Amino acid sequence: MKSTGTLKRNYEFARVYRKGKYLPGRHAVLHFLKKPTGTNRLGVTVGKGVRTSVLRNRLKRLLRESFRTVETRCVPGYDLILVAKAGGTAPPYREMERDVKGLLARAGLLVPEPPAKEEGHRDETPADRADPVL
């Protein structure tokens, strides 16, 4: 997470919980609060219902990695908290990633991806396609 800082202090989490908004998802809950500075900060927690430390840490890793894949598309200037929901096992990575992307999109915190160029419609000249002369 290059451009995203971390929420570390209890009062930072409490401010987001108290003053911010939240959206529930299938595997996680997103809490977010607009802040005056231009960078994002992320906090990751796991609900009390997850009993084993192995599963708690796995869920936190899944949430961090899921956020990392879309962090460059996030609107700057927010404190974000991702809370994993209690469950018997950790969901597959793709499900968690889809859930996190969906939560951020529903919150309006994701900039849409630029459309991918179609293959065959590239802006090349015939010289670009020729084999280089050695």
N, C-alpha and C. Protein backbone atom coordinates (compact mmCIF):
# COMPACT_ATOMS: atom_id res chain seq x y z
N MET A 1 0.85 -1.18 0.00
CA MET A 1 0.00 0.00 0.00
C MET A 1 0.89 1.23 0.00
N LYS A 2 1.23 1.68 -1.18
CA LYS A 2 2.18 2.76 -1.32
C LYS A 2 1.59 4.11 -0.96
N SER A 3 0.43 4.45 -1.50
CA SER A 3 -0.11 5.78 -1.27
C SER A 3 -1.10 5.82 -0.11
N THR A 4 -1.35 4.70 0.51
CA THR A 4 -2.32 4.65 1.59
C THR A 4 -1.61 4.45 2.92
N GLY A 5 -1.93 5.32 3.88
CA GLY A 5 -1.38 5.18 5.22
C GLY A 5 -2.22 4.20 6.03
N THR A 6 -1.91 4.08 7.30
CA THR A 6 -2.66 3.15 8.15
C THR A 6 -3.27 3.89 9.34
N LEU A 7 -4.43 3.43 9.74
CA LEU A 7 -5.03 3.87 10.99
C LEU A 7 -4.47 2.97 12.08
N LYS A 8 -3.92 3.56 13.12
CA LYS A 8 -3.29 2.75 14.16
C LYS A 8 -3.87 3.01 15.55
N ARG A 9 -4.26 4.22 15.81
CA ARG A 9 -4.67 4.60 17.16
C ARG A 9 -6.16 4.34 17.38
N ASN A 10 -6.51 4.01 18.60
CA ASN A 10 -7.90 3.71 18.94
C ASN A 10 -8.81 4.91 18.66
N TYR A 11 -8.35 6.13 18.95
CA TYR A 11 -9.20 7.30 18.73
C TYR A 11 -9.45 7.54 17.24
N GLU A 12 -8.51 7.13 16.37
CA GLU A 12 -8.73 7.26 14.93
C GLU A 12 -9.85 6.32 14.46
N PHE A 13 -9.81 5.08 14.94
CA PHE A 13 -10.87 4.14 14.63
C PHE A 13 -12.21 4.62 15.18
N ALA A 14 -12.20 5.10 16.43
CA ALA A 14 -13.43 5.56 17.07
C ALA A 14 -14.06 6.72 16.31
N ARG A 15 -13.25 7.63 15.79
CA ARG A 15 -13.77 8.77 15.03
C ARG A 15 -14.48 8.29 13.77
N VAL A 16 -13.89 7.34 13.07
CA VAL A 16 -14.51 6.83 11.84
C VAL A 16 -15.80 6.09 12.17
N TYR A 17 -15.79 5.27 13.22
CA TYR A 17 -17.01 4.55 13.61
C TYR A 17 -18.12 5.53 14.01
N ARG A 18 -17.75 6.57 14.76
CA ARG A 18 -18.74 7.49 15.31
C ARG A 18 -19.28 8.47 14.26
N LYS A 19 -18.40 9.06 13.47
CA LYS A 19 -18.81 10.13 12.56
C LYS A 19 -18.99 9.68 11.11
N GLY A 20 -18.47 8.52 10.76
CA GLY A 20 -18.49 8.09 9.37
C GLY A 20 -19.74 7.32 9.00
N LYS A 21 -19.74 6.83 7.78
CA LYS A 21 -20.83 6.02 7.24
C LYS A 21 -20.31 4.60 7.09
N TYR A 22 -21.23 3.65 6.91
CA TYR A 22 -20.79 2.28 6.71
C TYR A 22 -21.69 1.56 5.72
N LEU A 23 -21.11 0.56 5.10
CA LEU A 23 -21.83 -0.29 4.15
C LEU A 23 -21.49 -1.75 4.46
N PRO A 24 -22.49 -2.60 4.66
CA PRO A 24 -22.21 -4.01 4.89
C PRO A 24 -22.09 -4.77 3.58
N GLY A 25 -21.24 -5.75 3.56
CA GLY A 25 -21.08 -6.64 2.42
C GLY A 25 -21.24 -8.07 2.88
N ARG A 26 -20.97 -9.00 1.99
CA ARG A 26 -21.13 -10.41 2.34
C ARG A 26 -20.07 -10.89 3.32
N HIS A 27 -18.82 -10.50 3.09
CA HIS A 27 -17.71 -10.97 3.93
C HIS A 27 -17.08 -9.86 4.77
N ALA A 28 -17.43 -8.61 4.51
CA ALA A 28 -16.79 -7.50 5.21
C ALA A 28 -17.75 -6.32 5.32
N VAL A 29 -17.38 -5.38 6.17
CA VAL A 29 -18.12 -4.13 6.34
C VAL A 29 -17.12 -3.00 6.11
N LEU A 30 -17.53 -2.00 5.34
CA LEU A 30 -16.68 -0.84 5.07
C LEU A 30 -17.20 0.35 5.86
N HIS A 31 -16.34 0.95 6.68
CA HIS A 31 -16.62 2.21 7.37
C HIS A 31 -15.74 3.26 6.72
N PHE A 32 -16.29 4.43 6.43
CA PHE A 32 -15.49 5.46 5.77
C PHE A 32 -15.90 6.84 6.25
N LEU A 33 -14.90 7.75 6.26
CA LEU A 33 -15.11 9.12 6.71
C LEU A 33 -14.23 10.04 5.88
N LYS A 34 -14.83 11.08 5.31
CA LYS A 34 -14.08 12.09 4.55
C LYS A 34 -13.20 12.87 5.51
N LYS A 35 -11.98 13.18 5.08
CA LYS A 35 -11.06 13.96 5.91
C LYS A 35 -10.45 15.07 5.07
N PRO A 36 -9.91 16.11 5.71
CA PRO A 36 -9.44 17.27 4.97
C PRO A 36 -8.16 17.04 4.16
N THR A 37 -7.31 16.13 4.57
CA THR A 37 -6.07 15.92 3.82
C THR A 37 -6.31 15.04 2.61
N GLY A 38 -5.37 15.05 1.68
CA GLY A 38 -5.56 14.39 0.40
C GLY A 38 -5.11 12.94 0.30
N THR A 39 -4.79 12.29 1.40
CA THR A 39 -4.37 10.89 1.32
C THR A 39 -5.38 9.99 2.01
N ASN A 40 -5.37 8.74 1.63
CA ASN A 40 -6.23 7.76 2.29
C ASN A 40 -5.47 7.06 3.41
N ARG A 41 -6.22 6.61 4.41
CA ARG A 41 -5.65 5.77 5.46
C ARG A 41 -6.58 4.58 5.63
N LEU A 42 -6.00 3.41 5.84
CA LEU A 42 -6.77 2.18 5.95
C LEU A 42 -6.53 1.52 7.29
N GLY A 43 -7.60 1.05 7.90
CA GLY A 43 -7.52 0.23 9.09
C GLY A 43 -8.23 -1.08 8.81
N VAL A 44 -7.69 -2.18 9.31
CA VAL A 44 -8.27 -3.49 9.07
C VAL A 44 -8.50 -4.15 10.42
N THR A 45 -9.72 -4.62 10.66
CA THR A 45 -10.03 -5.31 11.90
C THR A 45 -10.85 -6.56 11.59
N VAL A 46 -10.98 -7.41 12.59
CA VAL A 46 -11.76 -8.63 12.46
C VAL A 46 -12.73 -8.68 13.63
N GLY A 47 -13.98 -9.07 13.35
CA GLY A 47 -15.00 -9.13 14.37
C GLY A 47 -14.67 -10.10 15.49
N LYS A 48 -15.33 -9.93 16.62
CA LYS A 48 -15.05 -10.75 17.80
C LYS A 48 -15.45 -12.22 17.64
N GLY A 49 -16.30 -12.49 16.68
CA GLY A 49 -16.77 -13.86 16.52
C GLY A 49 -15.73 -14.82 15.97
N VAL A 50 -14.63 -14.30 15.44
CA VAL A 50 -13.58 -15.16 14.90
C VAL A 50 -12.69 -15.57 16.06
N ARG A 51 -12.70 -16.84 16.37
CA ARG A 51 -12.06 -17.31 17.61
C ARG A 51 -10.56 -17.56 17.51
N THR A 52 -10.08 -18.07 16.38
CA THR A 52 -8.67 -18.45 16.32
C THR A 52 -7.82 -17.35 15.69
N SER A 53 -6.61 -17.19 16.18
CA SER A 53 -5.73 -16.15 15.68
C SER A 53 -5.30 -16.44 14.24
N VAL A 54 -5.19 -17.70 13.88
CA VAL A 54 -4.80 -18.06 12.51
C VAL A 54 -5.85 -17.52 11.53
N LEU A 55 -7.11 -17.74 11.83
CA LEU A 55 -8.18 -17.28 10.95
C LEU A 55 -8.30 -15.76 10.96
N ARG A 56 -8.15 -15.13 12.13
CA ARG A 56 -8.18 -13.66 12.20
C ARG A 56 -7.10 -13.05 11.32
N ASN A 57 -5.89 -13.57 11.42
CA ASN A 57 -4.78 -13.03 10.63
C ASN A 57 -4.97 -13.31 9.14
N ARG A 58 -5.50 -14.45 8.79
CA ARG A 58 -5.78 -14.76 7.38
C ARG A 58 -6.78 -13.78 6.80
N LEU A 59 -7.85 -13.49 7.56
CA LEU A 59 -8.86 -12.54 7.10
C LEU A 59 -8.27 -11.15 6.92
N LYS A 60 -7.41 -10.74 7.83
CA LYS A 60 -6.78 -9.42 7.71
C LYS A 60 -5.89 -9.35 6.48
N ARG A 61 -5.14 -10.42 6.21
CA ARG A 61 -4.29 -10.45 5.01
C ARG A 61 -5.14 -10.38 3.74
N LEU A 62 -6.26 -11.12 3.73
CA LEU A 62 -7.15 -11.09 2.57
C LEU A 62 -7.71 -9.69 2.33
N LEU A 63 -8.12 -9.01 3.40
CA LEU A 63 -8.67 -7.67 3.27
C LEU A 63 -7.61 -6.68 2.76
N ARG A 64 -6.40 -6.75 3.32
CA ARG A 64 -5.34 -5.84 2.88
C ARG A 64 -4.99 -6.05 1.42
N GLU A 65 -4.87 -7.30 1.01
CA GLU A 65 -4.51 -7.59 -0.38
C GLU A 65 -5.64 -7.19 -1.32
N SER A 66 -6.87 -7.41 -0.92
CA SER A 66 -8.01 -7.02 -1.75
C SER A 66 -8.04 -5.51 -1.95
N PHE A 67 -7.73 -4.77 -0.90
CA PHE A 67 -7.69 -3.31 -1.03
C PHE A 67 -6.50 -2.87 -1.87
N ARG A 68 -5.37 -3.54 -1.72
CA ARG A 68 -4.16 -3.15 -2.45
C ARG A 68 -4.38 -3.19 -3.96
N THR A 69 -5.19 -4.12 -4.43
CA THR A 69 -5.40 -4.25 -5.86
C THR A 69 -6.18 -3.07 -6.45
N VAL A 70 -6.95 -2.36 -5.63
CA VAL A 70 -7.74 -1.24 -6.14
C VAL A 70 -7.34 0.11 -5.54
N GLU A 71 -6.29 0.13 -4.75
CA GLU A 71 -5.94 1.37 -4.05
C GLU A 71 -5.61 2.52 -4.99
N THR A 72 -5.05 2.23 -6.16
CA THR A 72 -4.71 3.30 -7.09
C THR A 72 -5.96 3.93 -7.70
N ARG A 73 -7.08 3.23 -7.68
CA ARG A 73 -8.34 3.75 -8.23
C ARG A 73 -9.21 4.41 -7.17
N CYS A 74 -8.78 4.41 -5.91
CA CYS A 74 -9.59 4.98 -4.83
C CYS A 74 -9.52 6.51 -4.83
N VAL A 75 -10.65 7.13 -4.54
CA VAL A 75 -10.72 8.58 -4.41
C VAL A 75 -9.92 8.98 -3.17
N PRO A 76 -9.00 9.93 -3.26
CA PRO A 76 -8.19 10.31 -2.10
C PRO A 76 -8.97 11.15 -1.09
N GLY A 77 -8.50 11.12 0.16
CA GLY A 77 -9.06 11.97 1.20
C GLY A 77 -10.03 11.28 2.13
N TYR A 78 -9.85 9.98 2.38
CA TYR A 78 -10.77 9.24 3.24
C TYR A 78 -10.01 8.39 4.24
N ASP A 79 -10.62 8.23 5.41
CA ASP A 79 -10.20 7.21 6.36
C ASP A 79 -11.13 6.03 6.13
N LEU A 80 -10.56 4.85 5.91
CA LEU A 80 -11.33 3.65 5.60
C LEU A 80 -11.04 2.57 6.64
N ILE A 81 -12.07 1.85 7.04
CA ILE A 81 -11.89 0.69 7.91
C ILE A 81 -12.62 -0.47 7.27
N LEU A 82 -11.91 -1.57 7.08
CA LEU A 82 -12.51 -2.81 6.60
C LEU A 82 -12.59 -3.77 7.77
N VAL A 83 -13.80 -4.24 8.07
CA VAL A 83 -14.01 -5.16 9.17
C VAL A 83 -14.48 -6.49 8.59
N ALA A 84 -13.73 -7.55 8.85
CA ALA A 84 -14.11 -8.88 8.37
C ALA A 84 -15.24 -9.41 9.24
N LYS A 85 -16.21 -10.05 8.60
CA LYS A 85 -17.31 -10.65 9.34
C LYS A 85 -16.90 -12.03 9.84
N ALA A 86 -17.49 -12.41 10.95
CA ALA A 86 -17.20 -13.72 11.53
C ALA A 86 -17.81 -14.81 10.66
N GLY A 87 -17.09 -15.87 10.53
CA GLY A 87 -17.56 -17.02 9.77
C GLY A 87 -16.74 -18.23 10.16
N GLY A 88 -17.15 -19.39 9.71
CA GLY A 88 -16.44 -20.60 10.06
C GLY A 88 -15.07 -20.71 9.42
N THR A 89 -14.98 -20.27 8.17
CA THR A 89 -13.71 -20.34 7.44
C THR A 89 -13.49 -19.04 6.68
N ALA A 90 -12.28 -18.87 6.19
CA ALA A 90 -11.97 -17.69 5.38
C ALA A 90 -12.50 -17.91 3.96
N PRO A 91 -13.13 -16.91 3.37
CA PRO A 91 -13.61 -17.06 1.99
C PRO A 91 -12.43 -17.11 1.02
N PRO A 92 -12.64 -17.62 -0.18
CA PRO A 92 -11.57 -17.58 -1.18
C PRO A 92 -11.20 -16.13 -1.51
N TYR A 93 -9.96 -15.94 -1.94
CA TYR A 93 -9.46 -14.59 -2.21
C TYR A 93 -10.34 -13.84 -3.20
N ARG A 94 -10.74 -14.48 -4.29
CA ARG A 94 -11.53 -13.81 -5.33
C ARG A 94 -12.86 -13.30 -4.78
N GLU A 95 -13.48 -14.06 -3.89
CA GLU A 95 -14.75 -13.60 -3.28
C GLU A 95 -14.52 -12.37 -2.42
N MET A 96 -13.45 -12.40 -1.62
CA MET A 96 -13.14 -11.26 -0.76
C MET A 96 -12.81 -10.04 -1.61
N GLU A 97 -12.04 -10.23 -2.67
CA GLU A 97 -11.67 -9.12 -3.55
C GLU A 97 -12.92 -8.52 -4.20
N ARG A 98 -13.82 -9.36 -4.67
CA ARG A 98 -15.06 -8.89 -5.29
C ARG A 98 -15.90 -8.11 -4.28
N ASP A 99 -15.94 -8.60 -3.05
CA ASP A 99 -16.72 -7.94 -2.00
C ASP A 99 -16.14 -6.56 -1.68
N VAL A 100 -14.83 -6.47 -1.53
CA VAL A 100 -14.18 -5.19 -1.21
C VAL A 100 -14.37 -4.19 -2.36
N LYS A 101 -14.18 -4.64 -3.59
CA LYS A 101 -14.40 -3.76 -4.74
C LYS A 101 -15.84 -3.27 -4.79
N GLY A 102 -16.77 -4.17 -4.53
CA GLY A 102 -18.18 -3.81 -4.54
C GLY A 102 -18.52 -2.79 -3.47
N LEU A 103 -17.96 -2.96 -2.27
CA LEU A 103 -18.21 -2.01 -1.19
C LEU A 103 -17.66 -0.63 -1.53
N LEU A 104 -16.44 -0.58 -2.05
CA LEU A 104 -15.85 0.70 -2.41
C LEU A 104 -16.62 1.37 -3.54
N ALA A 105 -17.08 0.59 -4.49
CA ALA A 105 -17.87 1.14 -5.60
C ALA A 105 -19.22 1.67 -5.10
N ARG A 106 -19.89 0.93 -4.24
CA ARG A 106 -21.18 1.37 -3.69
C ARG A 106 -21.02 2.65 -2.88
N ALA A 107 -19.87 2.81 -2.22
CA ALA A 107 -19.62 4.01 -1.43
C ALA A 107 -19.23 5.20 -2.32
N GLY A 108 -18.99 4.95 -3.59
CA GLY A 108 -18.58 6.02 -4.50
C GLY A 108 -17.13 6.39 -4.35
N LEU A 109 -16.31 5.47 -3.86
CA LEU A 109 -14.91 5.75 -3.60
C LEU A 109 -13.97 5.20 -4.66
N LEU A 110 -14.51 4.61 -5.73
CA LEU A 110 -13.68 4.07 -6.79
C LEU A 110 -13.86 4.88 -8.07
N VAL A 111 -12.76 5.24 -8.68
CA VAL A 111 -12.78 5.88 -9.99
C VAL A 111 -12.92 4.75 -11.00
N PRO A 112 -13.80 4.87 -11.98
CA PRO A 112 -13.97 3.78 -12.95
C PRO A 112 -12.67 3.49 -13.70
N GLU A 113 -12.49 2.22 -14.06
CA GLU A 113 -11.31 1.83 -14.83
C GLU A 113 -11.41 2.39 -16.23
N PRO A 114 -10.30 2.83 -16.80
CA PRO A 114 -10.35 3.28 -18.20
C PRO A 114 -10.65 2.07 -19.08
N PRO A 115 -11.41 2.26 -20.15
CA PRO A 115 -11.73 1.13 -21.01
C PRO A 115 -10.47 0.57 -21.65
N ALA A 116 -10.41 -0.75 -21.70
CA ALA A 116 -9.25 -1.42 -22.29
C ALA A 116 -9.31 -1.31 -23.80
N LYS A 117 -8.16 -1.12 -24.41
CA LYS A 117 -8.12 -1.06 -25.87
C LYS A 117 -8.33 -2.46 -26.41
N GLU A 118 -9.10 -2.54 -27.48
CA GLU A 118 -9.35 -3.82 -28.11
C GLU A 118 -8.14 -4.24 -28.91
N GLU A 119 -7.89 -5.53 -28.97
CA GLU A 119 -6.79 -6.06 -29.75
C GLU A 119 -7.07 -5.84 -31.23
N GLY A 120 -6.11 -5.40 -31.97
CA GLY A 120 -6.29 -5.17 -33.39
C GLY A 120 -6.61 -3.72 -33.73
N HIS A 121 -6.97 -2.92 -32.74
CA HIS A 121 -7.27 -1.51 -32.98
C HIS A 121 -6.21 -0.63 -32.36
N ARG A 122 -5.00 -1.09 -32.45
CA ARG A 122 -3.91 -0.34 -31.84
C ARG A 122 -3.46 0.75 -32.79
N ASP A 123 -2.95 1.81 -32.24
CA ASP A 123 -2.48 2.94 -33.04
C ASP A 123 -1.02 2.70 -33.41
N GLU A 124 -0.82 1.85 -34.41
CA GLU A 124 0.53 1.55 -34.87
C GLU A 124 0.67 1.98 -36.32
N THR A 125 1.86 2.31 -36.66
CA THR A 125 2.16 2.55 -38.07
C THR A 125 2.73 1.27 -38.63
N PRO A 126 2.75 1.12 -39.96
CA PRO A 126 3.33 -0.10 -40.54
C PRO A 126 4.79 -0.28 -40.13
N ALA A 127 5.51 0.82 -39.89
CA ALA A 127 6.91 0.71 -39.51
C ALA A 127 7.05 0.08 -38.13
N ASP A 128 6.06 0.31 -37.25
CA ASP A 128 6.10 -0.27 -35.90
C ASP A 128 5.97 -1.79 -35.95
N ARG A 129 5.26 -2.29 -36.94
CA ARG A 129 5.00 -3.72 -37.03
C ARG A 129 6.13 -4.47 -37.74
N ALA A 130 6.97 -3.78 -38.47
CA ALA A 130 8.05 -4.43 -39.22
C ALA A 130 9.10 -4.97 -38.26
N ASP A 131 9.76 -6.01 -38.71
CA ASP A 131 10.83 -6.58 -37.91
C ASP A 131 11.99 -5.59 -37.87
N PRO A 132 12.61 -5.47 -36.70
CA PRO A 132 13.74 -4.54 -36.61
C PRO A 132 14.92 -5.08 -37.42
N VAL A 133 15.66 -4.18 -37.99
CA VAL A 133 16.84 -4.54 -38.77
C VAL A 133 18.01 -4.58 -37.80
N LEU A 134 18.74 -5.68 -37.86
CA LEU A 134 19.89 -5.81 -36.96
C LEU A 134 21.17 -5.39 -37.59
